[in-house]
C-alpha atoms as a PDB file:
ATOM      1  CA  MET A   1     -59.674 105.908  80.130  1.00  0.00           C
ATOM      2  CA  GLN A   2     -62.958 104.728  79.694  1.00  0.00           C
ATOM      3  CA  ALA A   3     -65.942 105.212  82.494  1.00  0.00           C
ATOM      4  CA  ALA A   4     -69.500 104.946  83.163  1.00  0.00           C
ATOM      5  CA  TYR A   5     -70.405 108.797  84.462  1.00  0.00           C
ATOM      6  CA  VAL A   6     -73.218 111.129  84.765  1.00  0.00           C
ATOM      7  CA  THR A   7     -73.547 115.234  84.514  1.00  0.00           C
ATOM      8  CA  ALA A   8     -76.467 116.112  86.915  1.00  0.00           C
ATOM      9  CA  ARG A   9     -78.168 113.107  89.281  1.00  0.00           C
ATOM     10  CA  GLY A  10     -81.259 111.894  87.687  1.00  0.00           C
ATOM     11  CA  PRO A  11     -82.288 108.511  86.169  1.00  0.00           C
ATOM     12  CA  ALA A  12     -80.317 105.564  85.156  1.00  0.00           C
ATOM     13  CA  ASP A  13     -80.392 106.176  81.439  1.00  0.00           C
ATOM     14  CA  LEU A  14     -78.353 109.532  82.137  1.00  0.00           C
ATOM     15  CA  ILE A  15     -75.089 107.434  82.285  1.00  0.00           C
ATOM     16  CA  ARG A  16     -72.705 107.803  79.870  1.00  0.00           C
ATOM     17  CA  HIS A  17     -69.860 105.389  78.934  1.00  0.00           C
ATOM     18  CA  GLY A  18     -67.236 107.292  77.284  1.00  0.00           C
ATOM     19  CA  THR A  19     -63.489 108.580  77.709  1.00  0.00           C
ATOM     20  CA  LEU A  20     -63.017 110.774  80.878  1.00  0.00           C
ATOM     21  CA  PRO A  21     -59.510 112.263  81.709  1.00  0.00           C
ATOM     22  CA  ALA A  22     -57.448 109.475  83.629  1.00  0.00           C
ATOM     23  CA  PRO A  23     -57.241 110.618  87.535  1.00  0.00           C
ATOM     24  CA  ARG A  24     -53.957 110.917  88.874  1.00  0.00           C
ATOM     25  CA  PRO A  25     -53.218 109.639  92.637  1.00  0.00           C
ATOM     26  CA  GLY A  26     -52.420 112.368  95.889  1.00  0.00           C
ATOM     27  CA  PRO A  27     -49.968 111.522  98.105  1.00  0.00           C
ATOM     28  CA  THR A  28     -52.044 109.431 100.332  1.00  0.00           C
ATOM     29  CA  ASP A  29     -53.861 107.631  97.493  1.00  0.00           C
ATOM     30  CA  VAL A  30     -53.426 104.461  95.035  1.00  0.00           C
ATOM     31  CA  LEU A  31     -54.336 104.686  91.323  1.00  0.00           C
ATOM     32  CA  VAL A  32     -56.244 101.256  90.829  1.00  0.00           C
ATOM     33  CA  ARG A  33     -56.405  99.655  87.303  1.00  0.00           C
ATOM     34  CA  THR A  34     -59.491  98.323  87.753  1.00  0.00           C
ATOM     35  CA  THR A  35     -60.428  94.804  86.547  1.00  0.00           C
ATOM     36  CA  ALA A  36     -64.325  94.538  87.404  1.00  0.00           C
ATOM     37  CA  THR A  37     -67.086  97.092  89.120  1.00  0.00           C
ATOM     38  CA  THR A  38     -70.328  95.847  90.219  1.00  0.00           C
ATOM     39  CA  VAL A  39     -73.931  97.801  90.672  1.00  0.00           C
ATOM     40  CA  ASN A  40     -75.526  98.176  94.518  1.00  0.00           C
ATOM     41  CA  PRO A  41     -78.975  99.294  95.452  1.00  0.00           C
ATOM     42  CA  VAL A  42     -76.891 102.402  97.213  1.00  0.00           C
ATOM     43  CA  ASP A  43     -75.149 103.437  93.703  1.00  0.00           C
ATOM     44  CA  THR A  44     -78.917 104.037  92.174  1.00  0.00           C
ATOM     45  CA  LEU A  45     -79.641 105.988  95.286  1.00  0.00           C
ATOM     46  CA  VAL A  46     -76.815 107.879  95.101  1.00  0.00           C
ATOM     47  CA  ARG A  47     -76.773 108.710  91.407  1.00  0.00           C
ATOM     48  CA  SER A  48     -80.924 109.250  90.992  1.00  0.00           C
ATOM     49  CA  GLY A  49     -79.942 112.023  94.492  1.00  0.00           C
ATOM     50  CA  VAL A  50     -82.262 110.043  96.809  1.00  0.00           C
ATOM     51  CA  PHE A  51     -78.796 109.519  99.200  1.00  0.00           C
ATOM     52  CA  ASP A  52     -77.573 113.712  99.684  1.00  0.00           C
ATOM     53  CA  THR A  53     -73.896 113.360  98.487  1.00  0.00           C
ATOM     54  CA  PRO A  54     -71.691 115.706  97.493  1.00  0.00           C
ATOM     55  CA  LEU A  55     -70.719 114.404  93.729  1.00  0.00           C
ATOM     56  CA  PRO A  56     -67.749 116.261  91.677  1.00  0.00           C
ATOM     57  CA  PHE A  57     -69.462 116.420  87.965  1.00  0.00           C
ATOM     58  CA  PRO A  58     -68.822 114.471  85.168  1.00  0.00           C
ATOM     59  CA  PHE A  59     -69.190 111.597  88.220  1.00  0.00           C
ATOM     60  CA  VAL A  60     -68.187 108.448  87.198  1.00  0.00           C
ATOM     61  CA  VAL A  61     -70.607 105.968  89.191  1.00  0.00           C
ATOM     62  CA  GLY A  62     -70.214 102.783  91.401  1.00  0.00           C
ATOM     63  CA  ARG A  63     -68.527 101.792  95.138  1.00  0.00           C
ATOM     64  CA  ASP A  64     -66.554  98.879  94.597  1.00  0.00           C
ATOM     65  CA  LEU A  65     -63.729  97.148  92.869  1.00  0.00           C
ATOM     66  CA  VAL A  66     -61.271  95.016  92.617  1.00  0.00           C
ATOM     67  CA  GLY A  67     -58.245  95.435  90.303  1.00  0.00           C
ATOM     68  CA  THR A  68     -54.446  95.844  90.990  1.00  0.00           C
ATOM     69  CA  VAL A  69     -52.175  98.704  91.760  1.00  0.00           C
ATOM     70  CA  VAL A  70     -50.621 101.046  89.253  1.00  0.00           C
ATOM     71  CA  GLU A  71     -48.821 103.429  91.194  1.00  0.00           C
ATOM     72  CA  ALA A  72     -49.381 104.296  95.206  1.00  0.00           C
ATOM     73  CA  GLY A  73     -48.440 108.104  96.877  1.00  0.00           C
ATOM     74  CA  PRO A  74     -45.586 108.591  98.661  1.00  0.00           C
ATOM     75  CA  GLY A  75     -48.210 108.440 101.886  1.00  0.00           C
ATOM     76  CA  ALA A  76     -49.378 105.101 100.890  1.00  0.00           C
ATOM     77  CA  PRO A  77     -47.256 103.181 102.541  1.00  0.00           C
ATOM     78  CA  GLY A  78     -47.617  98.888 101.673  1.00  0.00           C
ATOM     79  CA  PHE A  79     -49.079  98.987  98.582  1.00  0.00           C
ATOM     80  CA  ALA A  80     -46.811  98.631  94.949  1.00  0.00           C
ATOM     81  CA  PRO A  81     -47.556  98.005  92.028  1.00  0.00           C
ATOM     82  CA  GLY A  82     -49.010  94.391  90.600  1.00  0.00           C
ATOM     83  CA  ASP A  83     -50.827  94.349  94.387  1.00  0.00           C
ATOM     84  CA  ARG A  84     -54.440  92.792  93.969  1.00  0.00           C
ATOM     85  CA  VAL A  85     -57.097  94.927  95.715  1.00  0.00           C
ATOM     86  CA  TRP A  86     -60.321  95.606  96.395  1.00  0.00           C
ATOM     87  CA  CYS A  87     -62.184  98.782  97.498  1.00  0.00           C
ATOM     88  CA  ASN A  88     -65.814  99.266  98.347  1.00  0.00           C
ATOM     89  CA  SER A  89     -66.554 102.531  99.936  1.00  0.00           C
ATOM     90  CA  LEU A  90     -65.809 104.941  96.536  1.00  0.00           C
ATOM     91  CA  GLY A  91     -68.378 107.425  95.094  1.00  0.00           C
ATOM     92  CA  HIS A  92     -69.548 109.470  97.437  1.00  0.00           C
ATOM     93  CA  GLU A  93     -69.144 112.533 100.168  1.00  0.00           C
ATOM     94  CA  GLY A  94     -67.002 114.176  96.590  1.00  0.00           C
ATOM     95  CA  ARG A  95     -64.816 110.913  95.806  1.00  0.00           C
ATOM     96  CA  GLN A  96     -64.968 109.248  92.139  1.00  0.00           C
ATOM     97  CA  GLY A  97     -66.617 106.131  91.284  1.00  0.00           C
ATOM     98  CA  ALA A  98     -65.314 102.612  90.229  1.00  0.00           C
ATOM     99  CA  ALA A  99     -66.869 102.456  86.965  1.00  0.00           C
ATOM    100  CA  ALA A 100     -63.675 103.126  85.005  1.00  0.00           C
ATOM    101  CA  GLU A 101     -60.972 101.349  83.617  1.00  0.00           C
ATOM    102  CA  LEU A 102     -58.458 103.466  86.679  1.00  0.00           C
ATOM    103  CA  ALA A 103     -59.413 105.036  89.645  1.00  0.00           C
ATOM    104  CA  VAL A 104     -58.297 106.380  92.519  1.00  0.00           C
ATOM    105  CA  VAL A 105     -58.848 105.333  95.970  1.00  0.00           C
ATOM    106  CA  PRO A 106     -57.322 106.850  99.507  1.00  0.00           C
ATOM    107  CA  CYS A 107     -55.143 104.436 101.262  1.00  0.00           C
ATOM    108  CA  ASP A 108     -57.536 103.954 104.370  1.00  0.00           C
ATOM    109  CA  ARG A 109     -59.950 102.626 101.918  1.00  0.00           C
ATOM    110  CA  LEU A 110     -57.868  99.925  99.961  1.00  0.00           C
ATOM    111  CA  TYR A 111     -57.553  96.479 100.940  1.00  0.00           C
ATOM    112  CA  ARG A 112     -55.663  93.578  99.592  1.00  0.00           C
ATOM    113  CA  LEU A 113     -57.461  91.058  98.180  1.00  0.00           C
ATOM    114  CA  PRO A 114     -56.670  87.027  99.226  1.00  0.00           C
ATOM    115  CA  PRO A 115     -54.506  85.030  97.470  1.00  0.00           C
ATOM    116  CA  ASP A 116     -56.536  82.409  95.340  1.00  0.00           C
ATOM    117  CA  VAL A 117     -59.456  84.391  94.876  1.00  0.00           C
ATOM    118  CA  ASP A 118     -61.902  85.202  92.040  1.00  0.00           C
ATOM    119  CA  PRO A 119     -62.107  89.022  91.899  1.00  0.00           C
ATOM    120  CA  LEU A 120     -65.663  88.476  90.103  1.00  0.00           C
ATOM    121  CA  ASN A 121     -67.079  86.712  92.540  1.00  0.00           C
ATOM    122  CA  ALA A 122     -65.226  89.053  95.214  1.00  0.00           C
ATOM    123  CA  VAL A 123     -66.663  92.368  93.470  1.00  0.00           C
ATOM    124  CA  THR A 124     -70.535  90.813  94.308  1.00  0.00           C
ATOM    125  CA  VAL A 125     -69.864  90.335  97.177  1.00  0.00           C
ATOM    126  CA  LEU A 126     -67.852  93.238  99.049  1.00  0.00           C
ATOM    127  CA  HIS A 127     -70.473  95.900  99.246  1.00  0.00           C
ATOM    128  CA  PRO A 128     -73.283  93.429 100.937  1.00  0.00           C
ATOM    129  CA  GLY A 129     -70.402  91.395 103.135  1.00  0.00           C
ATOM    130  CA  ALA A 130     -69.094  94.742 104.794  1.00  0.00           C
ATOM    131  CA  THR A 131     -72.704  95.617 105.571  1.00  0.00           C
ATOM    132  CA  ALA A 132     -73.551  92.400 106.874  1.00  0.00           C
ATOM    133  CA  TYR A 133     -70.794  92.869 108.966  1.00  0.00           C
ATOM    134  CA  LEU A 134     -71.225  96.242 110.473  1.00  0.00           C
ATOM    135  CA  ALA A 135     -75.217  95.334 110.635  1.00  0.00           C
ATOM    136  CA  LEU A 136     -74.662  92.231 112.967  1.00  0.00           C
ATOM    137  CA  PHE A 137     -71.485  93.616 114.477  1.00  0.00           C
ATOM    138  CA  THR A 138     -71.007  97.230 115.048  1.00  0.00           C
ATOM    139  CA  HIS A 139     -74.385  98.396 115.593  1.00  0.00           C
ATOM    140  CA  GLY A 140     -76.405  94.846 116.101  1.00  0.00           C
ATOM    141  CA  GLY A 141     -73.941  93.780 118.899  1.00  0.00           C
ATOM    142  CA  LEU A 142     -74.509  90.184 118.134  1.00  0.00           C
ATOM    143  CA  THR A 143     -72.015  87.186 119.600  1.00  0.00           C
ATOM    144  CA  ALA A 144     -72.478  83.556 120.285  1.00  0.00           C
ATOM    145  CA  GLY A 145     -74.778  81.614 121.027  1.00  0.00           C
ATOM    146  CA  ARG A 146     -77.676  85.307 119.644  1.00  0.00           C
ATOM    147  CA  THR A 147     -80.647  84.222 118.122  1.00  0.00           C
ATOM    148  CA  VAL A 148     -80.888  86.437 114.648  1.00  0.00           C
ATOM    149  CA  LEU A 149     -83.802  86.776 112.619  1.00  0.00           C
ATOM    150  CA  VAL A 150     -83.122  87.897 108.962  1.00  0.00           C
ATOM    151  CA  GLY A 151     -85.470  89.220 106.510  1.00  0.00           C
ATOM    152  CA  GLY A 152     -84.815  88.534 103.240  1.00  0.00           C
ATOM    153  CA  ALA A 153     -82.675  86.298 103.780  1.00  0.00           C
ATOM    154  CA  ALA A 154     -81.990  84.936  99.985  1.00  0.00           C
ATOM    155  CA  GLY A 155     -80.774  87.905  99.213  1.00  0.00           C
ATOM    156  CA  SER A 156     -77.344  89.735  98.546  1.00  0.00           C
ATOM    157  CA  VAL A 157     -77.450  91.359 102.014  1.00  0.00           C
ATOM    158  CA  GLY A 158     -79.315  88.702 103.573  1.00  0.00           C
ATOM    159  CA  SER A 159     -77.220  85.941 102.675  1.00  0.00           C
ATOM    160  CA  CYS A 160     -74.210  87.679 103.637  1.00  0.00           C
ATOM    161  CA  LEU A 161     -75.671  87.931 106.993  1.00  0.00           C
ATOM    162  CA  VAL A 162     -76.630  84.645 107.737  1.00  0.00           C
ATOM    163  CA  THR A 163     -73.339  83.342 106.430  1.00  0.00           C
ATOM    164  CA  LEU A 164     -71.400  86.554 108.894  1.00  0.00           C
ATOM    165  CA  ALA A 165     -73.898  85.527 111.789  1.00  0.00           C
ATOM    166  CA  ALA A 166     -73.551  81.508 111.426  1.00  0.00           C
ATOM    167  CA  ALA A 167     -69.878  81.886 111.131  1.00  0.00           C
ATOM    168  CA  ALA A 168     -70.570  84.048 114.288  1.00  0.00           C
ATOM    169  CA  GLY A 169     -72.131  81.248 116.744  1.00  0.00           C
ATOM    170  CA  ALA A 170     -75.354  82.689 116.423  1.00  0.00           C
ATOM    171  CA  ARG A 171     -78.897  80.656 115.910  1.00  0.00           C
ATOM    172  CA  VAL A 172     -80.075  82.105 112.255  1.00  0.00           C
ATOM    173  CA  ILE A 173     -83.420  82.410 111.586  1.00  0.00           C
ATOM    174  CA  ALA A 174     -84.375  83.194 108.079  1.00  0.00           C
ATOM    175  CA  THR A 175     -87.654  84.518 106.431  1.00  0.00           C
ATOM    176  CA  ALA A 176     -87.876  84.377 102.444  1.00  0.00           C
ATOM    177  CA  ARG A 177     -90.046  82.632  99.635  1.00  0.00           C
ATOM    178  CA  PRO A 178     -90.463  78.559  99.792  1.00  0.00           C
ATOM    179  CA  GLN A 179     -88.177  78.376  96.781  1.00  0.00           C
ATOM    180  CA  ASP A 180     -85.294  79.930  98.332  1.00  0.00           C
ATOM    181  CA  HIS A 181     -85.110  77.870 102.119  1.00  0.00           C
ATOM    182  CA  ALA A 182     -83.039  75.314 100.874  1.00  0.00           C
ATOM    183  CA  TYR A 183     -80.503  77.504  99.857  1.00  0.00           C
ATOM    184  CA  CYS A 184     -80.778  80.015 103.180  1.00  0.00           C
ATOM    185  CA  THR A 185     -80.299  76.517 105.106  1.00  0.00           C
ATOM    186  CA  SER A 186     -77.206  75.909 102.390  1.00  0.00           C
ATOM    187  CA  ARG A 187     -75.752  79.366 103.786  1.00  0.00           C
ATOM    188  CA  GLY A 188     -76.535  78.466 107.893  1.00  0.00           C
ATOM    189  CA  ALA A 189     -80.056  79.750 108.473  1.00  0.00           C
ATOM    190  CA  SER A 190     -80.966  76.806 111.716  1.00  0.00           C
ATOM    191  CA  ALA A 191     -84.831  77.427 110.165  1.00  0.00           C
ATOM    192  CA  VAL A 192     -87.007  79.328 107.630  1.00  0.00           C
ATOM    193  CA  VAL A 193     -90.062  80.624 106.955  1.00  0.00           C
ATOM    194  CA  ASP A 194     -92.288  81.226 104.516  1.00  0.00           C
ATOM    195  CA  TYR A 195     -92.059  85.635 104.762  1.00  0.00           C
ATOM    196  CA  ARG A 196     -95.378  85.923 102.964  1.00  0.00           C
ATOM    197  CA  ALA A 197     -96.470  83.608 105.318  1.00  0.00           C
ATOM    198  CA  PRO A 198    -100.226  85.385 107.214  1.00  0.00           C
ATOM    199  CA  ASP A 199     -98.868  83.261 111.316  1.00  0.00           C
ATOM    200  CA  LEU A 200     -95.016  84.693 109.866  1.00  0.00           C
ATOM    201  CA  ALA A 201     -94.688  86.617 114.260  1.00  0.00           C
ATOM    202  CA  ASP A 202     -96.700  82.892 114.919  1.00  0.00           C
ATOM    203  CA  GLN A 203     -93.922  80.994 113.511  1.00  0.00           C
ATOM    204  CA  VAL A 204     -91.560  82.827 114.869  1.00  0.00           C
ATOM    205  CA  ARG A 205     -91.884  82.873 118.368  1.00  0.00           C
ATOM    206  CA  GLY A 206     -92.878  78.994 118.316  1.00  0.00           C
ATOM    207  CA  LEU A 207     -89.233  78.317 116.610  1.00  0.00           C
ATOM    208  CA  SER A 208     -87.825  80.865 119.624  1.00  0.00           C
ATOM    209  CA  PRO A 209     -89.871  81.452 122.287  1.00  0.00           C
ATOM    210  CA  ARG A 210     -87.826  83.831 124.559  1.00  0.00           C
ATOM    211  CA  GLY A 211     -87.332  86.040 121.268  1.00  0.00           C
ATOM    212  CA  VAL A 212     -85.389  87.047 119.179  1.00  0.00           C
ATOM    213  CA  ASP A 213     -82.025  89.238 120.308  1.00  0.00           C
ATOM    214  CA  LEU A 214     -81.276  91.017 116.683  1.00  0.00           C
ATOM    215  CA  HIS A 215     -83.794  91.536 114.323  1.00  0.00           C
ATOM    216  CA  LEU A 216     -82.659  92.422 110.955  1.00  0.00           C
ATOM    217  CA  ASP A 217     -84.867  93.037 107.424  1.00  0.00           C
ATOM    218  CA  THR A 218     -83.069  93.388 103.848  1.00  0.00           C
ATOM    219  CA  SER A 219     -86.420  94.171 102.452  1.00  0.00           C
ATOM    220  CA  GLY A 220     -86.768  97.893 104.192  1.00  0.00           C
ATOM    221  CA  GLY A 221     -89.994  96.840 105.305  1.00  0.00           C
ATOM    222  CA  ASN A 222     -89.555  98.080 108.443  1.00  0.00           C
ATOM    223  CA  ASP A 223     -92.737  96.887 110.294  1.00  0.00           C
ATOM    224  CA  LEU A 224     -91.658  97.780 114.083  1.00  0.00           C
ATOM    225  CA  ARG A 225     -94.648  96.983 115.318  1.00  0.00           C
ATOM    226  CA  THR A 226     -94.435  93.169 114.304  1.00  0.00           C
ATOM    227  CA  ALA A 227     -90.549  93.565 114.898  1.00  0.00           C
ATOM    228  CA  VAL A 228     -90.870  94.778 118.136  1.00  0.00           C
ATOM    229  CA  GLY A 229     -93.138  91.872 119.473  1.00  0.00           C
ATOM    230  CA  LEU A 230     -90.818  89.455 118.569  1.00  0.00           C
ATOM    231  CA  LEU A 231     -87.580  90.784 120.694  1.00  0.00           C
ATOM    232  CA  ALA A 232     -86.460  89.245 123.876  1.00  0.00           C
ATOM    233  CA  PRO A 233     -85.447  91.516 126.355  1.00  0.00           C
ATOM    234  CA  ARG A 234     -82.650  93.068 125.387  1.00  0.00           C
ATOM    235  CA  GLY A 235     -83.270  92.510 121.904  1.00  0.00           C
ATOM    236  CA  ARG A 236     -82.263  94.938 118.913  1.00  0.00           C
ATOM    237  CA  ILE A 237     -83.438  96.115 115.331  1.00  0.00           C
ATOM    238  CA  VAL A 238     -81.488  97.602 113.513  1.00  0.00           C
ATOM    239  CA  LEU A 239     -82.499  99.129 110.059  1.00  0.00           C
ATOM    240  CA  LEU A 240     -80.460  99.223 107.215  1.00  0.00           C
ATOM    241  CA  ALA A 241     -82.618  99.517 103.893  1.00  0.00           C
ATOM    242  CA  GLY A 242     -85.879 101.074 103.364  1.00  0.00           C
ATOM    243  CA  ALA A 243     -84.969 104.934 102.839  1.00  0.00           C
ATOM    244  CA  GLY A 244     -88.352 105.771 102.658  1.00  0.00           C
ATOM    245  CA  SER A 245     -90.207 103.949 104.644  1.00  0.00           C
ATOM    246  CA  GLU A 246     -92.372 104.957 107.391  1.00  0.00           C
ATOM    247  CA  SER A 247     -93.171 102.751 110.749  1.00  0.00           C
ATOM    248  CA  LEU A 248     -95.377 103.702 113.595  1.00  0.00           C
ATOM    249  CA  LEU A 249     -93.131 102.356 116.398  1.00  0.00           C
ATOM    250  CA  PRO A 250     -94.659 100.557 119.923  1.00  0.00           C
ATOM    251  CA  ALA A 251     -92.707 103.096 121.995  1.00  0.00           C
ATOM    252  CA  GLY A 252     -93.929 101.624 125.312  1.00  0.00           C
ATOM    253  CA  ALA A 253     -93.819  97.921 124.783  1.00  0.00           C
ATOM    254  CA  LEU A 254     -89.821  98.415 123.448  1.00  0.00           C
ATOM    255  CA  TYR A 255     -88.494 100.323 126.209  1.00  0.00           C
ATOM    256  CA  LEU A 256     -90.679  98.196 128.885  1.00  0.00           C
ATOM    257  CA  ASN A 257     -88.855  95.498 127.137  1.00  0.00           C
ATOM    258  CA  ASP A 258     -85.234  97.307 127.743  1.00  0.00           C
ATOM    259  CA  GLY A 259     -84.975  96.991 123.565  1.00  0.00           C
ATOM    260  CA  SER A 260     -83.249  99.592 120.968  1.00  0.00           C
ATOM    261  CA  VAL A 261     -83.570 100.493 117.323  1.00  0.00           C
ATOM    262  CA  ALA A 262     -80.635 101.844 115.655  1.00  0.00           C
ATOM    263  CA  GLY A 263     -80.345 102.818 111.969  1.00  0.00           C
ATOM    264  CA  PHE A 264     -77.193 102.014 109.894  1.00  0.00           C
ATOM    265  CA  VAL A 265     -76.603 103.412 106.595  1.00  0.00           C
ATOM    266  CA  ILE A 266     -72.739 101.749 105.673  1.00  0.00           C
ATOM    267  CA  SER A 267     -71.892 105.552 103.845  1.00  0.00           C
ATOM    268  CA  HIS A 268     -71.502 106.871 107.116  1.00  0.00           C
ATOM    269  CA  ALA A 269     -68.992 104.467 108.712  1.00  0.00           C
ATOM    270  CA  THR A 270     -65.585 105.206 109.659  1.00  0.00           C
ATOM    271  CA  THR A 271     -62.582 103.734 108.004  1.00  0.00           C
ATOM    272  CA  ALA A 272     -62.177 102.521 111.137  1.00  0.00           C
ATOM    273  CA  GLU A 273     -65.170 100.196 110.755  1.00  0.00           C
ATOM    274  CA  LEU A 274     -64.583  99.570 106.887  1.00  0.00           C
ATOM    275  CA  ALA A 275     -61.292  98.030 107.506  1.00  0.00           C
ATOM    276  CA  GLU A 276     -62.890  96.326 110.425  1.00  0.00           C
ATOM    277  CA  ALA A 277     -65.007  94.795 108.253  1.00  0.00           C
ATOM    278  CA  ALA A 278     -62.960  94.188 105.883  1.00  0.00           C
ATOM    279  CA  GLY A 279     -60.774  91.945 107.482  1.00  0.00           C
ATOM    280  CA  ALA A 280     -63.869  90.091 108.253  1.00  0.00           C
ATOM    281  CA  VAL A 281     -64.692  89.605 104.563  1.00  0.00           C
ATOM    282  CA  ASN A 282     -61.104  88.564 103.826  1.00  0.00           C
ATOM    283  CA  ARG A 283     -61.005  85.919 106.126  1.00  0.00           C
ATOM    284  CA  LEU A 284     -64.352  84.618 104.742  1.00  0.00           C
ATOM    285  CA  LEU A 285     -63.874  84.809 100.862  1.00  0.00           C
ATOM    286  CA  ALA A 286     -60.254  83.038 101.920  1.00  0.00           C
ATOM    287  CA  GLU A 287     -62.002  80.382 103.173  1.00  0.00           C
ATOM    288  CA  GLY A 288     -63.978  79.719 100.224  1.00  0.00           C
ATOM    289  CA  ALA A 289     -67.418  80.672 102.673  1.00  0.00           C
ATOM    290  CA  LEU A 290     -68.830  84.125 101.009  1.00  0.00           C
ATOM    291  CA  PHE A 291     -69.756  83.953  97.912  1.00  0.00           C
ATOM    292  CA  PRO A 292     -72.836  84.817  95.143  1.00  0.00           C
ATOM    293  CA  ARG A 293     -75.482  82.786  94.313  1.00  0.00           C
ATOM    294  CA  GLU A 294     -75.039  84.208  90.759  1.00  0.00           C
ATOM    295  CA  ARG A 295     -73.270  86.082  88.993  1.00  0.00           C
ATOM    296  CA  GLU A 296     -74.423  88.087  85.336  1.00  0.00           C
ATOM    297  CA  LEU A 297     -71.114  89.617  83.776  1.00  0.00           C
ATOM    298  CA  LEU A 298     -72.111  92.424  81.739  1.00  0.00           C
ATOM    299  CA  PRO A 299     -69.403  95.121  79.945  1.00  0.00           C
ATOM    300  CA  LEU A 300     -68.663  98.315  81.566  1.00  0.00           C
ATOM    301  CA  SER A 301     -71.184 100.319  78.798  1.00  0.00           C
ATOM    302  CA  ALA A 302     -73.383  98.199  79.890  1.00  0.00           C
ATOM    303  CA  THR A 303     -73.852 100.250  83.409  1.00  0.00           C
ATOM    304  CA  ALA A 304     -77.009 102.139  82.520  1.00  0.00           C
ATOM    305  CA  GLU A 305     -79.114  99.174  81.994  1.00  0.00           C
ATOM    306  CA  ALA A 306     -77.228  97.406  85.530  1.00  0.00           C
ATOM    307  CA  HIS A 307     -78.644  99.871  87.350  1.00  0.00           C
ATOM    308  CA  ALA A 308     -82.304 100.137  85.478  1.00  0.00           C
ATOM    309  CA  ARG A 309     -82.330  96.559  86.304  1.00  0.00           C
ATOM    310  CA  VAL A 310     -81.225  97.059  90.442  1.00  0.00           C
ATOM    311  CA  GLU A 311     -83.942  99.185  90.527  1.00  0.00           C
ATOM    312  CA  GLN A 312     -86.478  97.153  88.930  1.00  0.00           C
ATOM    313  CA  GLY A 313     -84.963  94.171  91.765  1.00  0.00           C
ATOM    314  CA  LEU A 314     -83.013  91.621  91.044  1.00  0.00           C
ATOM    315  CA  HIS A 315     -83.386  87.977  92.933  1.00  0.00           C
ATOM    316  CA  GLY A 316     -80.442  86.930  94.000  1.00  0.00           C
ATOM    317  CA  ARG A 317     -78.166  87.078  90.892  1.00  0.00           C
ATOM    318  CA  ARG A 318     -75.331  90.138  91.128  1.00  0.00           C
ATOM    319  CA  LEU A 319     -74.537  91.904  88.341  1.00  0.00           C
ATOM    320  CA  VAL A 320     -70.324  92.403  87.421  1.00  0.00           C
ATOM    321  CA  LEU A 321     -69.601  94.927  85.343  1.00  0.00           C
ATOM    322  CA  LEU A 322     -65.719  94.372  83.301  1.00  0.00           C
ATOM    323  CA  THR A 323     -63.940  97.132  82.841  1.00  0.00           C
ATOM    324  CA  GLU A 324     -61.010  94.949  81.213  1.00  0.00           C
ATOM    325  CA  ALA A 325     -60.287  91.850  78.749  1.00  0.00           C
ATOM    326  CA  THR A 326     -60.259  88.771  81.054  1.00  0.00           C
ATOM    327  CA  PRO A 327     -60.133  85.019  79.593  1.00  0.00           C
ATOM    328  CA  THR A 328     -63.873  85.653  80.791  1.00  0.00           C
ATOM    329  CA  ALA A 329     -65.762  85.811  77.815  1.00  0.00           C
ATOM    330  CA  TYR A 330     -69.101  88.017  78.956  1.00  0.00           C
ATOM    331  CA  ALA A 331     -72.220  85.903  79.163  1.00  0.00           C
ATOM    332  CA  ARG A 332     -75.859  87.387  79.514  1.00  0.00           C
END
C-alpha cells in the first residue's frame, strides 16, 4: 500500500511517501480502506517527538480518517465490508496512523459515518469536534444557560467549541480578529471581541459582569492571571493547547472564588469518552451543523508539505489528504 511515514522522530521533511506492507487486522480490529485523512497540530507534535508516545517504525503518520470497511475481525461485530466509517484516534500509543491506503482500526475506536455526509468535509472536523466536546462537557462540565469564553474562536477547534456550546444552550463570548467576527457570530457566538484589544478583559467583564463559567483558550497562550480574573464563582478554566506554555497562576484568587483549572489532552481520552464525543460529532454532522470553514485538497504524497504548513500556522483552512481516486480533482 501507499503510505506517508517516518523512520524516526523529527522535522516534517523526514516524512516519506512510498510503499509499505499492507496491515492485517487482529481479532478485534477492522481493516479500513482510507478515503481521506487530514493533519492536526497534534500530529506534528507526535511526529516531532514533542508529545512522547510509543511509535512503531516505520511509523505511518496521522490520526483521523474516513473510509470504508474492507474486513472485520471476528471480535469486531457490527461492521461489514462497504460500511462508511471514521476514526480520530490512530497514530499514537503504539498504533499506526491514518495516512495510508489501508489502516487497521480497533473496533472500539471506529464509528459509522452518517448517511449523506460528505467524507471530505467530515474528516476535517472529526478531531476538532471531538476535542471541543470533551473540553466543554467531559472536562468543563458545561450545562445550558452558562457563559463560555472561547479564545481563538475562528480556528478549527475554536469554531467547533462555539458550535457545540451554542447548540447546548450556552451563551458564547468569542475572541477573534475583527475580520473573523461575522464568522464567529454565524457559528453561534453571542458576542465577539478583538483578541488584540488592550481592554479585552474589561470588554468581557462588560458582556458578563458575573464572570464566565468556562474559559477555553485555543491559542495556547494560557494567560492564567487574566483568565482567573474573568471567572464567575465556581468557574473553570480548561487548558487544551500550549504544550510549551508557562503562566503564573494567581492561586489565592482562584481558591477564594471556588475556581478550578483542568488540563486536557485528547490523546489521553478513554475509548468510552471518545465514543461519547463521536455520538455528538455524528449528530451535528447529520444536521449539517459541523463543517469546515474552508478546505484544501492535496494528494497523500504532499503529507510532508501539509505538516510543515500546519506548523507554520493556518487560519481556518483545513488540509485534506486524499488516499484514493475520487471524483473531486485536487484543488490548491
